[in-house]
Amino acid sequence: MDTLNHHFRSPHHAETRPRTTYRYTEDFKATAVRLSQLPGVAVGDVAALLYIHPFMLSRWGKQAREGAFP
């Protein structure tokens, strides 16, 4: 059997699990955005420390610039 096909047909990959959705407060989002805007601080580093995806933090930054939260 081809190794690649075996990997994708593994029962482990066929399992479906419910996704966990977290809701973050506006204060948390605003604080995360402020941290990511500090000089010399990378968005990816802040995201990793807060256990969030960097894309989410970037999206919050855009929302903050648009006045979505303080």
PDB file of N, CA and C in Angstrom:
ATOM      1  N   MET A   1       0.848  -1.185   0.000  1.00  0.00           N
ATOM      2  CA  MET A   1       0.000   0.000   0.000  1.00  0.00           C
ATOM      3  C   MET A   1       0.888   1.242   0.000  1.00  0.00           C
ATOM      4  N   ASP A   2       0.509   2.217  -0.755  1.00  0.00           N
ATOM      5  CA  ASP A   2       1.247   3.471  -0.832  1.00  0.00           C
ATOM      6  C   ASP A   2       1.209   4.174   0.519  1.00  0.00           C
ATOM      7  N   THR A   3       2.352   4.630   1.001  1.00  0.00           N
ATOM      8  CA  THR A   3       2.444   5.260   2.325  1.00  0.00           C
ATOM      9  C   THR A   3       1.576   6.505   2.428  1.00  0.00           C
ATOM     10  N   LEU A   4       1.574   7.329   1.393  1.00  0.00           N
ATOM     11  CA  LEU A   4       0.789   8.558   1.420  1.00  0.00           C
ATOM     12  C   LEU A   4      -0.700   8.255   1.506  1.00  0.00           C
ATOM     13  N   ASN A   5      -1.180   7.321   0.678  1.00  0.00           N
ATOM     14  CA  ASN A   5      -2.596   6.960   0.719  1.00  0.00           C
ATOM     15  C   ASN A   5      -2.973   6.355   2.063  1.00  0.00           C
ATOM     16  N   HIS A   6      -2.078   5.557   2.610  1.00  0.00           N
ATOM     17  CA  HIS A   6      -2.351   4.962   3.922  1.00  0.00           C
ATOM     18  C   HIS A   6      -2.498   6.059   4.985  1.00  0.00           C
ATOM     19  N   HIS A   7      -1.651   7.066   4.902  1.00  0.00           N
ATOM     20  CA  HIS A   7      -1.702   8.159   5.873  1.00  0.00           C
ATOM     21  C   HIS A   7      -3.051   8.876   5.821  1.00  0.00           C
ATOM     22  N   PHE A   8      -3.534   9.164   4.649  1.00  0.00           N
ATOM     23  CA  PHE A   8      -4.779   9.909   4.529  1.00  0.00           C
ATOM     24  C   PHE A   8      -6.009   9.049   4.770  1.00  0.00           C
ATOM     25  N   ARG A   9      -5.856   7.765   4.711  1.00  0.00           N
ATOM     26  CA  ARG A   9      -6.991   6.867   4.981  1.00  0.00           C
ATOM     27  C   ARG A   9      -7.011   6.388   6.423  1.00  0.00           C
ATOM     28  N   SER A  10      -6.111   6.886   7.200  1.00  0.00           N
ATOM     29  CA  SER A  10      -6.027   6.493   8.598  1.00  0.00           C
ATOM     30  C   SER A  10      -7.325   6.838   9.324  1.00  0.00           C
ATOM     31  N   PRO A  11      -7.819   5.927  10.173  1.00  0.00           N
ATOM     32  CA  PRO A  11      -9.042   6.225  10.936  1.00  0.00           C
ATOM     33  C   PRO A  11      -8.902   7.468  11.800  1.00  0.00           C
ATOM     34  N   HIS A  12      -7.674   7.772  12.225  1.00  0.00           N
ATOM     35  CA  HIS A  12      -7.451   8.969  13.050  1.00  0.00           C
ATOM     36  C   HIS A  12      -7.880  10.229  12.300  1.00  0.00           C
ATOM     37  N   HIS A  13      -7.606  10.280  11.002  1.00  0.00           N
ATOM     38  CA  HIS A  13      -7.950  11.464  10.215  1.00  0.00           C
ATOM     39  C   HIS A  13      -9.425  11.491   9.844  1.00  0.00           C
ATOM     40  N   ALA A  14     -10.091  10.356   9.951  1.00  0.00           N
ATOM     41  CA  ALA A  14     -11.500  10.293   9.576  1.00  0.00           C
ATOM     42  C   ALA A  14     -12.406  10.756  10.710  1.00  0.00           C
ATOM     43  N   GLU A  15     -11.854  10.837  11.909  1.00  0.00           N
ATOM     44  CA  GLU A  15     -12.664  11.246  13.050  1.00  0.00           C
ATOM     45  C   GLU A  15     -13.124  12.688  12.893  1.00  0.00           C
ATOM     46  N   THR A  16     -14.313  12.937  13.350  1.00  0.00           N
ATOM     47  CA  THR A  16     -14.783  14.321  13.375  1.00  0.00           C
ATOM     48  C   THR A  16     -14.965  14.709  14.825  1.00  0.00           C
ATOM     49  N   ARG A  17     -14.400  15.826  15.169  1.00  0.00           N
ATOM     50  CA  ARG A  17     -14.511  16.329  16.532  1.00  0.00           C
ATOM     51  C   ARG A  17     -15.127  17.718  16.479  1.00  0.00           C
ATOM     52  N   PRO A  18     -15.913  18.050  17.479  1.00  0.00           N
ATOM     53  CA  PRO A  18     -16.480  19.403  17.500  1.00  0.00           C
ATOM     54  C   PRO A  18     -15.368  20.426  17.662  1.00  0.00           C
ATOM     55  N   ARG A  19     -15.488  21.533  16.953  1.00  0.00           N
ATOM     56  CA  ARG A  19     -14.515  22.611  17.071  1.00  0.00           C
ATOM     57  C   ARG A  19     -14.813  23.429  18.312  1.00  0.00           C
ATOM     58  N   THR A  20     -13.759  23.879  18.945  1.00  0.00           N
ATOM     59  CA  THR A  20     -13.915  24.742  20.104  1.00  0.00           C
ATOM     60  C   THR A  20     -13.843  26.184  19.626  1.00  0.00           C
ATOM     61  N   THR A  21     -14.857  26.947  19.955  1.00  0.00           N
ATOM     62  CA  THR A  21     -14.883  28.349  19.577  1.00  0.00           C
ATOM     63  C   THR A  21     -14.753  29.189  20.841  1.00  0.00           C
ATOM     64  N   TYR A  22     -13.756  30.048  20.837  1.00  0.00           N
ATOM     65  CA  TYR A  22     -13.540  30.919  21.975  1.00  0.00           C
ATOM     66  C   TYR A  22     -14.057  32.309  21.645  1.00  0.00           C
ATOM     67  N   ARG A  23     -14.626  32.959  22.631  1.00  0.00           N
ATOM     68  CA  ARG A  23     -15.062  34.343  22.464  1.00  0.00           C
ATOM     69  C   ARG A  23     -14.188  35.194  23.370  1.00  0.00           C
ATOM     70  N   TYR A  24     -13.580  36.185  22.771  1.00  0.00           N
ATOM     71  CA  TYR A  24     -12.674  37.052  23.506  1.00  0.00           C
ATOM     72  C   TYR A  24     -13.351  38.393  23.767  1.00  0.00           C
ATOM     73  N   THR A  25     -13.087  38.949  24.931  1.00  0.00           N
ATOM     74  CA  THR A  25     -13.683  40.244  25.274  1.00  0.00           C
ATOM     75  C   THR A  25     -13.023  41.339  24.444  1.00  0.00           C
ATOM     76  N   GLU A  26     -13.715  42.454  24.318  1.00  0.00           N
ATOM     77  CA  GLU A  26     -13.150  43.596  23.601  1.00  0.00           C
ATOM     78  C   GLU A  26     -11.892  44.088  24.302  1.00  0.00           C
ATOM     79  N   ASP A  27     -11.873  44.023  25.628  1.00  0.00           N
ATOM     80  CA  ASP A  27     -10.701  44.438  26.387  1.00  0.00           C
ATOM     81  C   ASP A  27      -9.501  43.554  26.058  1.00  0.00           C
ATOM     82  N   PHE A  28      -9.712  42.242  25.972  1.00  0.00           N
ATOM     83  CA  PHE A  28      -8.634  41.316  25.622  1.00  0.00           C
ATOM     84  C   PHE A  28      -8.104  41.637  24.230  1.00  0.00           C
ATOM     85  N   LYS A  29      -9.017  41.827  23.272  1.00  0.00           N
ATOM     86  CA  LYS A  29      -8.617  42.136  21.897  1.00  0.00           C
ATOM     87  C   LYS A  29      -7.815  43.434  21.836  1.00  0.00           C
ATOM     88  N   ALA A  30      -8.313  44.466  22.519  1.00  0.00           N
ATOM     89  CA  ALA A  30      -7.635  45.767  22.506  1.00  0.00           C
ATOM     90  C   ALA A  30      -6.245  45.662  23.130  1.00  0.00           C
ATOM     91  N   THR A  31      -6.130  44.922  24.212  1.00  0.00           N
ATOM     92  CA  THR A  31      -4.834  44.744  24.868  1.00  0.00           C
ATOM     93  C   THR A  31      -3.877  43.984  23.960  1.00  0.00           C
ATOM     94  N   ALA A  32      -4.359  42.946  23.313  1.00  0.00           N
ATOM     95  CA  ALA A  32      -3.531  42.168  22.396  1.00  0.00           C
ATOM     96  C   ALA A  32      -3.028  43.041  21.251  1.00  0.00           C
ATOM     97  N   VAL A  33      -3.908  43.873  20.720  1.00  0.00           N
ATOM     98  CA  VAL A  33      -3.525  44.771  19.625  1.00  0.00           C
ATOM     99  C   VAL A  33      -2.475  45.763  20.105  1.00  0.00           C
ATOM    100  N   ARG A  34      -2.679  46.340  21.288  1.00  0.00           N
ATOM    101  CA  ARG A  34      -1.700  47.304  21.820  1.00  0.00           C
ATOM    102  C   ARG A  34      -0.332  46.639  22.020  1.00  0.00           C
ATOM    103  N   LEU A  35      -0.327  45.418  22.519  1.00  0.00           N
ATOM    104  CA  LEU A  35       0.937  44.695  22.702  1.00  0.00           C
ATOM    105  C   LEU A  35       1.645  44.478  21.369  1.00  0.00           C
ATOM    106  N   SER A  36       0.873  44.139  20.345  1.00  0.00           N
ATOM    107  CA  SER A  36       1.474  43.858  19.037  1.00  0.00           C
ATOM    108  C   SER A  36       1.995  45.119  18.353  1.00  0.00           C
ATOM    109  N   GLN A  37       1.592  46.296  18.846  1.00  0.00           N
ATOM    110  CA  GLN A  37       2.027  47.557  18.253  1.00  0.00           C
ATOM    111  C   GLN A  37       3.229  48.172  18.965  1.00  0.00           C
ATOM    112  N   LEU A  38       3.703  47.513  20.006  1.00  0.00           N
ATOM    113  CA  LEU A  38       4.881  48.014  20.715  1.00  0.00           C
ATOM    114  C   LEU A  38       6.102  47.928  19.804  1.00  0.00           C
ATOM    115  N   PRO A  39       7.027  48.892  19.908  1.00  0.00           N
ATOM    116  CA  PRO A  39       8.234  48.864  19.075  1.00  0.00           C
ATOM    117  C   PRO A  39       9.030  47.576  19.285  1.00  0.00           C
ATOM    118  N   GLY A  40       9.409  46.954  18.191  1.00  0.00           N
ATOM    119  CA  GLY A  40      10.231  45.748  18.246  1.00  0.00           C
ATOM    120  C   GLY A  40       9.483  44.469  18.549  1.00  0.00           C
ATOM    121  N   VAL A  41       8.169  44.543  18.647  1.00  0.00           N
ATOM    122  CA  VAL A  41       7.364  43.365  18.970  1.00  0.00           C
ATOM    123  C   VAL A  41       6.674  42.870  17.698  1.00  0.00           C
ATOM    124  N   ALA A  42       6.788  41.585  17.426  1.00  0.00           N
ATOM    125  CA  ALA A  42       6.175  41.001  16.238  1.00  0.00           C
ATOM    126  C   ALA A  42       4.779  40.458  16.562  1.00  0.00           C
ATOM    127  N   VAL A  43       3.867  40.613  15.622  1.00  0.00           N
ATOM    128  CA  VAL A  43       2.501  40.114  15.794  1.00  0.00           C
ATOM    129  C   VAL A  43       2.530  38.618  16.100  1.00  0.00           C
ATOM    130  N   GLY A  44       3.360  37.881  15.399  1.00  0.00           N
ATOM    131  CA  GLY A  44       3.449  36.436  15.609  1.00  0.00           C
ATOM    132  C   GLY A  44       3.864  36.065  17.024  1.00  0.00           C
ATOM    133  N   ASP A  45       4.764  36.861  17.604  1.00  0.00           N
ATOM    134  CA  ASP A  45       5.219  36.596  18.973  1.00  0.00           C
ATOM    135  C   ASP A  45       4.093  36.821  19.979  1.00  0.00           C
ATOM    136  N   VAL A  46       3.356  37.921  19.806  1.00  0.00           N
ATOM    137  CA  VAL A  46       2.234  38.213  20.703  1.00  0.00           C
ATOM    138  C   VAL A  46       1.172  37.125  20.557  1.00  0.00           C
ATOM    139  N   ALA A  47       0.864  36.756  19.326  1.00  0.00           N
ATOM    140  CA  ALA A  47      -0.144  35.723  19.086  1.00  0.00           C
ATOM    141  C   ALA A  47       0.255  34.410  19.756  1.00  0.00           C
ATOM    142  N   ALA A  48       1.516  34.031  19.634  1.00  0.00           N
ATOM    143  CA  ALA A  48       1.978  32.783  20.247  1.00  0.00           C
ATOM    144  C   ALA A  48       1.855  32.834  21.766  1.00  0.00           C
ATOM    145  N   LEU A  49       2.204  33.970  22.351  1.00  0.00           N
ATOM    146  CA  LEU A  49       2.120  34.097  23.809  1.00  0.00           C
ATOM    147  C   LEU A  49       0.676  34.043  24.305  1.00  0.00           C
ATOM    148  N   LEU A  50      -0.256  34.511  23.474  1.00  0.00           N
ATOM    149  CA  LEU A  50      -1.669  34.527  23.869  1.00  0.00           C
ATOM    150  C   LEU A  50      -2.441  33.313  23.360  1.00  0.00           C
ATOM    151  N   TYR A  51      -1.731  32.395  22.689  1.00  0.00           N
ATOM    152  CA  TYR A  51      -2.343  31.171  22.139  1.00  0.00           C
ATOM    153  C   TYR A  51      -3.467  31.477  21.165  1.00  0.00           C
ATOM    154  N   ILE A  52      -3.222  32.456  20.284  1.00  0.00           N
ATOM    155  CA  ILE A  52      -4.189  32.772  19.238  1.00  0.00           C
ATOM    156  C   ILE A  52      -3.455  32.753  17.903  1.00  0.00           C
ATOM    157  N   HIS A  53      -4.199  32.650  16.820  1.00  0.00           N
ATOM    158  CA  HIS A  53      -3.597  32.632  15.497  1.00  0.00           C
ATOM    159  C   HIS A  53      -3.199  34.058  15.103  1.00  0.00           C
ATOM    160  N   PRO A  54      -2.031  34.224  14.489  1.00  0.00           N
ATOM    161  CA  PRO A  54      -1.601  35.571  14.086  1.00  0.00           C
ATOM    162  C   PRO A  54      -2.611  36.275  13.178  1.00  0.00           C
ATOM    163  N   PHE A  55      -3.311  35.520  12.339  1.00  0.00           N
ATOM    164  CA  PHE A  55      -4.310  36.132  11.470  1.00  0.00           C
ATOM    165  C   PHE A  55      -5.416  36.785  12.294  1.00  0.00           C
ATOM    166  N   MET A  56      -5.803  36.136  13.385  1.00  0.00           N
ATOM    167  CA  MET A  56      -6.849  36.686  14.243  1.00  0.00           C
ATOM    168  C   MET A  56      -6.392  38.016  14.840  1.00  0.00           C
ATOM    169  N   LEU A  57      -5.155  38.048  15.292  1.00  0.00           N
ATOM    170  CA  LEU A  57      -4.622  39.278  15.880  1.00  0.00           C
ATOM    171  C   LEU A  57      -4.539  40.386  14.830  1.00  0.00           C
ATOM    172  N   SER A  58      -4.155  40.039  13.626  1.00  0.00           N
ATOM    173  CA  SER A  58      -4.119  41.029  12.544  1.00  0.00           C
ATOM    174  C   SER A  58      -5.512  41.554  12.231  1.00  0.00           C
ATOM    175  N   ARG A  59      -6.488  40.672  12.261  1.00  0.00           N
ATOM    176  CA  ARG A  59      -7.874  41.084  12.009  1.00  0.00           C
ATOM    177  C   ARG A  59      -8.355  42.020  13.109  1.00  0.00           C
ATOM    178  N   TRP A  60      -8.001  41.704  14.362  1.00  0.00           N
ATOM    179  CA  TRP A  60      -8.375  42.582  15.464  1.00  0.00           C
ATOM    180  C   TRP A  60      -7.719  43.947  15.304  1.00  0.00           C
ATOM    181  N   GLY A  61      -6.478  43.978  14.807  1.00  0.00           N
ATOM    182  CA  GLY A  61      -5.798  45.245  14.570  1.00  0.00           C
ATOM    183  C   GLY A  61      -6.551  46.085  13.549  1.00  0.00           C
ATOM    184  N   LYS A  62      -7.027  45.442  12.497  1.00  0.00           N
ATOM    185  CA  LYS A  62      -7.805  46.148  11.480  1.00  0.00           C
ATOM    186  C   LYS A  62      -9.104  46.676  12.083  1.00  0.00           C
ATOM    187  N   GLN A  63      -9.765  45.841  12.884  1.00  0.00           N
ATOM    188  CA  GLN A  63     -11.011  46.256  13.524  1.00  0.00           C
ATOM    189  C   GLN A  63     -10.766  47.426  14.470  1.00  0.00           C
ATOM    190  N   ALA A  64      -9.642  47.407  15.175  1.00  0.00           N
ATOM    191  CA  ALA A  64      -9.311  48.508  16.094  1.00  0.00           C
ATOM    192  C   ALA A  64      -9.098  49.800  15.316  1.00  0.00           C
ATOM    193  N   ARG A  65      -8.415  49.716  14.180  1.00  0.00           N
ATOM    194  CA  ARG A  65      -8.196  50.909  13.362  1.00  0.00           C
ATOM    195  C   ARG A  65      -9.510  51.472  12.836  1.00  0.00           C
ATOM    196  N   GLU A  66     -10.490  50.587  12.651  1.00  0.00           N
ATOM    197  CA  GLU A  66     -11.812  51.010  12.166  1.00  0.00           C
ATOM    198  C   GLU A  66     -12.726  51.451  13.313  1.00  0.00           C
ATOM    199  N   GLY A  67     -12.218  51.392  14.551  1.00  0.00           N
ATOM    200  CA  GLY A  67     -12.971  51.857  15.709  1.00  0.00           C
ATOM    201  C   GLY A  67     -13.933  50.843  16.296  1.00  0.00           C
ATOM    202  N   ALA A  68     -13.709  49.567  16.043  1.00  0.00           N
ATOM    203  CA  ALA A  68     -14.622  48.526  16.529  1.00  0.00           C
ATOM    204  C   ALA A  68     -14.593  48.382  18.057  1.00  0.00           C
ATOM    205  N   PHE A  69     -13.447  48.631  18.659  1.00  0.00           N
ATOM    206  CA  PHE A  69     -13.335  48.586  20.117  1.00  0.00           C
ATOM    207  C   PHE A  69     -12.246  49.552  20.550  1.00  0.00           C
ATOM    208  N   PRO A  70     -12.291  49.939  21.832  1.00  0.00           N
ATOM    209  CA  PRO A  70     -11.362  50.978  22.328  1.00  0.00           C
ATOM    210  C   PRO A  70      -9.909  50.557  22.300  1.00  0.00           C
TER     211      PRO A  70
END
